[in-house]
Amino acid sequence: MNEEYIEIELEEEPIELCKLLKVLDLVEGGGQAKNLIAEGYVGVNHEICTIKRKKLYSGDVLEFDGELFQLSLSKDAIPVERAVTQTAPEPKKAPQSTANQPAKNKRKRTKKPKRDENTGRRPISFG
């Protein structure tokens, strides 16, 4: 299968996925871009991507509406190193017992009388 890519030159990287769709005029606005991404209509590097603000770099492939876009960096731009993702899960912390901890300070409320002693009317609060 011969895949033709439309080359997109980035002046700076990274660029967020929803902003790229807006810049390329593939969507009418940011809200529409975020909805399409969340519903799974956008692919990044040949996988469906539902991360609205996913950072895209040169070399990434954007797939939208049956078209493939290859991102590259313009000659004037300075390349940025990609953020390294953690592959090892973080160790789970043991839940702390609440018996040893002091109670949180709750805001003390003064009890207002429901009715005025002199008039017998309820007080009005304006707010």
N, C-alpha and C. Protein backbone atom coordinates (compact mmCIF):
# COMPACT_ATOMS: atom_id res chain seq x y z
N MET A 1 0.84 -1.17 0.00
CA MET A 1 0.00 0.00 0.00
C MET A 1 0.89 1.24 0.00
N ASN A 2 0.73 2.08 -0.99
CA ASN A 2 1.52 3.29 -1.12
C ASN A 2 0.83 4.42 -0.37
N GLU A 3 1.45 4.89 0.71
CA GLU A 3 0.87 5.96 1.50
C GLU A 3 1.53 7.27 1.12
N GLU A 4 0.73 8.25 0.73
CA GLU A 4 1.26 9.56 0.42
C GLU A 4 1.05 10.47 1.61
N TYR A 5 2.11 11.15 1.99
CA TYR A 5 2.05 12.05 3.12
C TYR A 5 2.03 13.49 2.63
N ILE A 6 1.26 14.31 3.29
CA ILE A 6 1.30 15.75 3.08
C ILE A 6 2.28 16.28 4.11
N GLU A 7 3.34 16.95 3.66
CA GLU A 7 4.38 17.39 4.58
C GLU A 7 3.99 18.72 5.22
N ILE A 8 4.11 18.79 6.53
CA ILE A 8 3.81 19.98 7.31
C ILE A 8 5.10 20.41 7.99
N GLU A 9 5.54 21.65 7.75
CA GLU A 9 6.75 22.16 8.39
C GLU A 9 6.37 22.93 9.65
N LEU A 10 6.97 22.55 10.75
CA LEU A 10 6.74 23.23 12.02
C LEU A 10 7.83 24.28 12.23
N GLU A 11 7.42 25.47 12.68
CA GLU A 11 8.40 26.50 12.98
C GLU A 11 8.93 26.37 14.39
N GLU A 12 8.13 25.75 15.26
CA GLU A 12 8.60 25.44 16.60
C GLU A 12 7.92 24.17 17.06
N GLU A 13 8.57 23.48 17.94
CA GLU A 13 8.00 22.25 18.47
C GLU A 13 8.15 22.24 19.96
N PRO A 14 7.35 21.55 20.69
CA PRO A 14 6.22 20.75 20.24
C PRO A 14 4.99 21.61 19.97
N ILE A 15 4.00 21.03 19.31
CA ILE A 15 2.72 21.67 19.08
C ILE A 15 1.65 20.70 19.58
N GLU A 16 0.63 21.26 20.21
CA GLU A 16 -0.44 20.42 20.74
C GLU A 16 -1.34 19.97 19.59
N LEU A 17 -1.86 18.76 19.72
CA LEU A 17 -2.67 18.14 18.66
C LEU A 17 -3.88 18.99 18.30
N CYS A 18 -4.62 19.47 19.30
CA CYS A 18 -5.82 20.25 19.00
C CYS A 18 -5.47 21.56 18.30
N LYS A 19 -4.33 22.16 18.65
CA LYS A 19 -3.91 23.40 18.00
C LYS A 19 -3.46 23.15 16.57
N LEU A 20 -2.83 22.01 16.33
CA LEU A 20 -2.39 21.69 14.98
C LEU A 20 -3.59 21.52 14.04
N LEU A 21 -4.63 20.87 14.51
CA LEU A 21 -5.83 20.72 13.68
C LEU A 21 -6.43 22.08 13.34
N LYS A 22 -6.39 23.00 14.29
CA LYS A 22 -6.90 24.34 14.06
C LYS A 22 -6.04 25.09 13.06
N VAL A 23 -4.72 25.03 13.22
CA VAL A 23 -3.79 25.75 12.35
C VAL A 23 -3.90 25.26 10.90
N LEU A 24 -4.10 23.96 10.74
CA LEU A 24 -4.20 23.39 9.39
C LEU A 24 -5.58 23.60 8.77
N ASP A 25 -6.50 24.26 9.48
CA ASP A 25 -7.87 24.50 9.02
C ASP A 25 -8.61 23.20 8.71
N LEU A 26 -8.32 22.16 9.47
CA LEU A 26 -9.04 20.91 9.31
C LEU A 26 -10.34 20.92 10.11
N VAL A 27 -10.42 21.83 11.08
CA VAL A 27 -11.61 22.00 11.91
C VAL A 27 -11.94 23.48 11.97
N GLU A 28 -13.17 23.77 12.40
CA GLU A 28 -13.58 25.17 12.47
C GLU A 28 -13.08 25.87 13.73
N GLY A 29 -12.89 25.13 14.80
CA GLY A 29 -12.45 25.74 16.04
C GLY A 29 -11.85 24.73 16.99
N GLY A 30 -11.35 25.24 18.11
CA GLY A 30 -10.71 24.39 19.09
C GLY A 30 -11.66 23.40 19.74
N GLY A 31 -12.89 23.83 19.97
CA GLY A 31 -13.88 22.94 20.57
C GLY A 31 -14.19 21.76 19.69
N GLN A 32 -14.32 22.03 18.40
CA GLN A 32 -14.58 20.94 17.46
C GLN A 32 -13.39 20.00 17.39
N ALA A 33 -12.18 20.56 17.42
CA ALA A 33 -10.98 19.72 17.39
C ALA A 33 -10.93 18.80 18.61
N LYS A 34 -11.21 19.35 19.78
CA LYS A 34 -11.18 18.54 21.00
C LYS A 34 -12.24 17.45 20.99
N ASN A 35 -13.42 17.76 20.45
CA ASN A 35 -14.47 16.74 20.37
C ASN A 35 -14.07 15.61 19.42
N LEU A 36 -13.52 15.96 18.26
CA LEU A 36 -13.13 14.93 17.30
C LEU A 36 -12.01 14.05 17.85
N ILE A 37 -11.09 14.65 18.58
CA ILE A 37 -10.00 13.89 19.18
C ILE A 37 -10.56 12.94 20.24
N ALA A 38 -11.44 13.46 21.10
CA ALA A 38 -12.00 12.65 22.19
C ALA A 38 -12.83 11.49 21.65
N GLU A 39 -13.47 11.67 20.50
CA GLU A 39 -14.31 10.62 19.93
C GLU A 39 -13.52 9.62 19.10
N GLY A 40 -12.20 9.85 18.93
CA GLY A 40 -11.35 8.87 18.27
C GLY A 40 -11.26 9.02 16.76
N TYR A 41 -11.48 10.21 16.23
CA TYR A 41 -11.39 10.43 14.78
C TYR A 41 -9.99 10.84 14.33
N VAL A 42 -9.04 10.96 15.24
CA VAL A 42 -7.71 11.44 14.90
C VAL A 42 -6.69 10.37 15.28
N GLY A 43 -5.73 10.17 14.39
CA GLY A 43 -4.66 9.21 14.66
C GLY A 43 -3.31 9.89 14.69
N VAL A 44 -2.44 9.42 15.57
CA VAL A 44 -1.07 9.92 15.65
C VAL A 44 -0.16 8.71 15.60
N ASN A 45 0.77 8.73 14.66
CA ASN A 45 1.73 7.64 14.47
C ASN A 45 1.02 6.30 14.29
N HIS A 46 -0.01 6.31 13.47
CA HIS A 46 -0.78 5.12 13.07
C HIS A 46 -1.53 4.46 14.22
N GLU A 47 -1.87 5.24 15.25
CA GLU A 47 -2.69 4.77 16.35
C GLU A 47 -3.73 5.84 16.67
N ILE A 48 -4.91 5.41 17.09
CA ILE A 48 -5.94 6.36 17.48
C ILE A 48 -5.48 7.09 18.73
N CYS A 49 -5.63 8.40 18.72
CA CYS A 49 -5.19 9.22 19.84
C CYS A 49 -6.38 9.98 20.41
N THR A 50 -6.62 9.86 21.70
CA THR A 50 -7.71 10.59 22.35
C THR A 50 -7.18 11.64 23.33
N ILE A 51 -5.89 11.91 23.28
CA ILE A 51 -5.28 12.92 24.16
C ILE A 51 -5.34 14.26 23.42
N LYS A 52 -6.16 15.17 23.91
CA LYS A 52 -6.43 16.43 23.21
C LYS A 52 -5.19 17.30 23.09
N ARG A 53 -4.40 17.37 24.11
CA ARG A 53 -3.23 18.25 24.11
C ARG A 53 -1.93 17.47 23.96
N LYS A 54 -1.99 16.38 23.21
CA LYS A 54 -0.79 15.57 22.97
C LYS A 54 0.24 16.41 22.23
N LYS A 55 1.47 16.34 22.70
CA LYS A 55 2.56 17.10 22.10
C LYS A 55 3.07 16.35 20.87
N LEU A 56 3.12 17.05 19.74
CA LEU A 56 3.61 16.47 18.50
C LEU A 56 4.94 17.10 18.13
N TYR A 57 5.84 16.28 17.61
CA TYR A 57 7.18 16.70 17.24
C TYR A 57 7.42 16.36 15.78
N SER A 58 8.54 16.84 15.24
CA SER A 58 8.89 16.49 13.86
C SER A 58 9.10 14.99 13.78
N GLY A 59 8.65 14.41 12.69
CA GLY A 59 8.73 12.97 12.52
C GLY A 59 7.43 12.26 12.85
N ASP A 60 6.53 12.92 13.57
CA ASP A 60 5.24 12.32 13.89
C ASP A 60 4.34 12.34 12.66
N VAL A 61 3.41 11.41 12.62
CA VAL A 61 2.44 11.31 11.53
C VAL A 61 1.05 11.56 12.10
N LEU A 62 0.33 12.50 11.49
CA LEU A 62 -1.03 12.82 11.88
C LEU A 62 -1.97 12.23 10.84
N GLU A 63 -2.99 11.53 11.29
CA GLU A 63 -3.98 10.96 10.38
C GLU A 63 -5.34 11.54 10.72
N PHE A 64 -5.97 12.17 9.70
CA PHE A 64 -7.27 12.78 9.92
C PHE A 64 -8.03 12.78 8.60
N ASP A 65 -9.26 12.34 8.65
CA ASP A 65 -10.17 12.37 7.50
C ASP A 65 -9.56 11.67 6.28
N GLY A 66 -8.89 10.54 6.50
CA GLY A 66 -8.33 9.76 5.40
C GLY A 66 -7.04 10.31 4.83
N GLU A 67 -6.50 11.38 5.39
CA GLU A 67 -5.26 11.97 4.89
C GLU A 67 -4.17 11.78 5.93
N LEU A 68 -2.94 11.65 5.46
CA LEU A 68 -1.78 11.49 6.33
C LEU A 68 -0.90 12.72 6.23
N PHE A 69 -0.52 13.25 7.37
CA PHE A 69 0.33 14.44 7.42
C PHE A 69 1.62 14.07 8.13
N GLN A 70 2.76 14.32 7.48
CA GLN A 70 4.07 14.07 8.06
C GLN A 70 4.61 15.39 8.60
N LEU A 71 4.93 15.44 9.88
CA LEU A 71 5.45 16.66 10.48
C LEU A 71 6.96 16.69 10.34
N SER A 72 7.46 17.84 9.93
CA SER A 72 8.90 18.03 9.84
C SER A 72 9.22 19.41 10.40
N LEU A 73 10.48 19.63 10.70
CA LEU A 73 10.90 20.88 11.29
C LEU A 73 11.50 21.77 10.21
N SER A 74 11.13 23.05 10.20
CA SER A 74 11.68 23.97 9.21
C SER A 74 13.17 24.16 9.47
N LYS A 75 13.88 24.67 8.48
CA LYS A 75 15.33 24.79 8.58
C LYS A 75 15.75 25.79 9.66
N ASP A 76 14.93 26.80 9.91
CA ASP A 76 15.29 27.84 10.88
C ASP A 76 15.03 27.41 12.32
N ALA A 77 14.21 26.42 12.51
CA ALA A 77 13.78 26.03 13.86
C ALA A 77 14.86 25.22 14.58
N ILE A 78 14.83 25.31 15.90
CA ILE A 78 15.77 24.55 16.73
C ILE A 78 15.04 23.32 17.26
N PRO A 79 15.58 22.12 17.04
CA PRO A 79 14.89 20.91 17.52
C PRO A 79 14.89 20.84 19.04
N VAL A 80 13.82 20.29 19.58
CA VAL A 80 13.65 20.12 21.02
C VAL A 80 13.63 18.63 21.31
N GLU A 81 14.27 18.24 22.43
CA GLU A 81 14.26 16.83 22.80
C GLU A 81 12.88 16.45 23.31
N ARG A 82 12.45 15.27 22.96
CA ARG A 82 11.16 14.77 23.41
C ARG A 82 11.22 14.43 24.88
N ALA A 83 10.09 14.60 25.54
CA ALA A 83 9.99 14.22 26.95
C ALA A 83 10.00 12.70 27.04
N VAL A 84 10.73 12.18 28.00
CA VAL A 84 10.82 10.74 28.20
C VAL A 84 9.63 10.30 29.04
N THR A 85 8.93 9.28 28.57
CA THR A 85 7.78 8.77 29.33
C THR A 85 8.26 7.65 30.24
N GLN A 86 7.65 7.58 31.42
CA GLN A 86 8.01 6.54 32.37
C GLN A 86 7.31 5.24 31.98
N THR A 87 8.08 4.16 31.99
CA THR A 87 7.48 2.87 31.68
C THR A 87 7.22 2.06 32.94
N ALA A 88 8.00 2.30 34.00
CA ALA A 88 7.83 1.55 35.25
C ALA A 88 6.74 2.23 36.08
N PRO A 89 5.78 1.46 36.58
CA PRO A 89 4.74 2.06 37.41
C PRO A 89 5.32 2.49 38.75
N GLU A 90 4.77 3.57 39.30
CA GLU A 90 5.22 4.06 40.59
C GLU A 90 4.71 3.13 41.69
N PRO A 91 5.50 2.93 42.74
CA PRO A 91 5.03 2.06 43.82
C PRO A 91 3.85 2.70 44.54
N LYS A 92 2.91 1.84 44.94
CA LYS A 92 1.73 2.34 45.64
C LYS A 92 2.08 2.64 47.08
N LYS A 93 1.53 3.75 47.56
CA LYS A 93 1.75 4.12 48.94
C LYS A 93 0.72 3.43 49.82
N ALA A 94 1.16 3.01 50.97
CA ALA A 94 0.24 2.37 51.91
C ALA A 94 -0.66 3.43 52.50
N PRO A 95 -1.95 3.14 52.63
CA PRO A 95 -2.85 4.14 53.21
C PRO A 95 -2.50 4.38 54.67
N GLN A 96 -2.52 5.65 55.04
CA GLN A 96 -2.19 6.01 56.41
C GLN A 96 -3.44 5.91 57.27
N SER A 97 -3.25 5.47 58.48
CA SER A 97 -4.40 5.36 59.37
C SER A 97 -4.76 6.74 59.89
N THR A 98 -6.05 6.97 60.03
CA THR A 98 -6.53 8.27 60.48
C THR A 98 -6.61 8.35 61.99
N ALA A 99 -6.33 7.25 62.70
CA ALA A 99 -6.43 7.24 64.15
C ALA A 99 -5.34 8.10 64.79
N ASN A 100 -4.16 8.14 64.18
CA ASN A 100 -3.05 8.90 64.75
C ASN A 100 -3.07 10.37 64.35
N GLN A 101 -3.84 10.71 63.36
CA GLN A 101 -3.85 12.09 62.87
C GLN A 101 -4.87 12.91 63.63
N PRO A 102 -4.55 14.17 63.92
CA PRO A 102 -5.53 15.03 64.59
C PRO A 102 -6.66 15.38 63.64
N ALA A 103 -7.81 15.64 64.22
CA ALA A 103 -8.98 15.98 63.40
C ALA A 103 -8.74 17.33 62.72
N LYS A 104 -9.27 17.47 61.53
CA LYS A 104 -9.13 18.72 60.81
C LYS A 104 -9.94 19.81 61.51
N ASN A 105 -9.40 20.99 61.43
CA ASN A 105 -10.11 22.12 62.04
C ASN A 105 -11.32 22.46 61.19
N LYS A 106 -12.47 22.32 61.77
CA LYS A 106 -13.69 22.67 61.06
C LYS A 106 -14.06 24.08 61.44
N ARG A 107 -14.65 24.75 60.50
CA ARG A 107 -15.10 26.11 60.77
C ARG A 107 -16.23 26.08 61.77
N LYS A 108 -16.05 26.80 62.86
CA LYS A 108 -17.07 26.80 63.89
C LYS A 108 -18.13 27.82 63.53
N ARG A 109 -19.36 27.39 63.56
CA ARG A 109 -20.47 28.28 63.24
C ARG A 109 -21.20 28.63 64.53
N THR A 110 -21.59 29.85 64.57
CA THR A 110 -22.41 30.26 65.71
C THR A 110 -23.86 30.02 65.33
N LYS A 111 -24.58 29.50 66.28
CA LYS A 111 -25.97 29.20 66.01
C LYS A 111 -26.80 30.45 66.16
N LYS A 112 -27.48 30.79 65.09
CA LYS A 112 -28.34 31.97 65.12
C LYS A 112 -29.74 31.54 65.54
N PRO A 113 -30.40 32.38 66.29
CA PRO A 113 -31.75 32.01 66.70
C PRO A 113 -32.67 31.96 65.48
N LYS A 114 -33.56 31.00 65.47
CA LYS A 114 -34.47 30.87 64.34
C LYS A 114 -35.51 31.98 64.34
N ARG A 115 -35.84 32.46 65.51
CA ARG A 115 -36.80 33.55 65.62
C ARG A 115 -36.28 34.58 66.63
N ASP A 116 -36.55 35.82 66.33
CA ASP A 116 -36.18 36.89 67.25
C ASP A 116 -37.07 36.82 68.48
N GLU A 117 -36.43 36.98 69.67
CA GLU A 117 -37.20 36.86 70.91
C GLU A 117 -38.20 38.01 71.08
N ASN A 118 -37.86 39.19 70.62
CA ASN A 118 -38.72 40.35 70.81
C ASN A 118 -39.89 40.40 69.83
N THR A 119 -39.57 40.17 68.53
CA THR A 119 -40.60 40.34 67.51
C THR A 119 -41.24 39.02 67.10
N GLY A 120 -40.52 37.90 67.27
CA GLY A 120 -41.04 36.61 66.86
C GLY A 120 -40.84 36.34 65.37
N ARG A 121 -40.09 37.22 64.70
CA ARG A 121 -39.82 37.05 63.26
C ARG A 121 -38.49 36.34 63.04
N ARG A 122 -38.38 35.71 61.86
CA ARG A 122 -37.13 35.08 61.49
C ARG A 122 -36.17 36.12 60.94
N PRO A 123 -34.89 36.00 61.23
CA PRO A 123 -33.92 36.95 60.67
C PRO A 123 -33.73 36.69 59.18
N ILE A 124 -33.42 37.74 58.43
CA ILE A 124 -33.21 37.66 56.99
C ILE A 124 -31.72 37.81 56.72
N SER A 125 -31.19 36.95 55.88
CA SER A 125 -29.78 37.04 55.50
C SER A 125 -29.69 37.50 54.05
N PHE A 126 -28.89 38.55 53.80
CA PHE A 126 -28.72 39.05 52.45
C PHE A 126 -27.37 38.63 51.87
N GLY A 127 -26.79 37.63 52.43
CA GLY A 127 -25.70 37.16 51.92
C GLY A 127 -24.44 36.79 51.74
